């Protein structure tokens, strides 16, 4: 799809069931038989998509989150699983072509694809020519949580391989609440889900077109009018406030929303239905 001068593609690692302890099990898309209106089960075993975003403009290749990265490690049993490399190949791109990576936060389902382990048990950076942009607050919070093995929040972070990004000076730690990555691409610190959570705004003012990549502030279309994240957000009040502000702004701009964890409507333009609740008109992605 196009947002002004930007081309946006939605990558996909597949659909997963998530169990206690953040254990992921891949499921076949043929097992997902509901329609868009049939929202996912947010009970004990939620079902989610894993869908990083690719943004293209000129010689700039920007990746928004890096996914689980299944199948990247040498000797991985997930030999037939989609990941960043297989997804990029669809668009005729290699990992070396990526110029920027934005990590909304460092939970492993969003960031684990940033690095991989080779046949010599060495950690390598998956996208070697890119810099990885993350909020400084998120980086230090993730380190703190990962060091507390008895803390349930620690299960969301797998930091050992991510230290490679810092060691190789590939990590850019942001301290601004509004950061211009490139003209037309802004990183917005929201907090809420994690202290350093950020979202991405993509816009072309001349074309009057806007899009938002939401990370886990608003994981899917099911979250538009309901709040299911009480047990997952570090600061629920901040998350709900940021979500309210974002939806109001996106509605006024008629912006396209890009979802990371959706199963059915991966992207759509925001509007209000007859009950004055938010809804989206699905957008077909070229992928």
Foldseek 3Di string as FASTA:
>chain_A
DDFVQKAKFKFWQAKWKAAPLRDTDHDDLVVPDDAPVDDFDLPRITMWTFIWMWIDHDLAIEIEFFFLQQCQAPPGPPPPTDGDQNRQVVVVDGLQSHAEYEQLAAFNRRHVNQWYAYPVRDIDGRNVNYAYEFALQRVVVLVVLCVPPVDSVNSRHDCPSVVVCVVVVRYDHDHDQWADPDVQKIWHAQAWLHNGGIKIKGHDVVVLAIEIEDPPLQQEQVPQFDDSCPVRTPHNVSSVVSSVVVLVVQAVSQYKYAHRIYSHQRIFGWDADPVRGIDGDGDDGPD
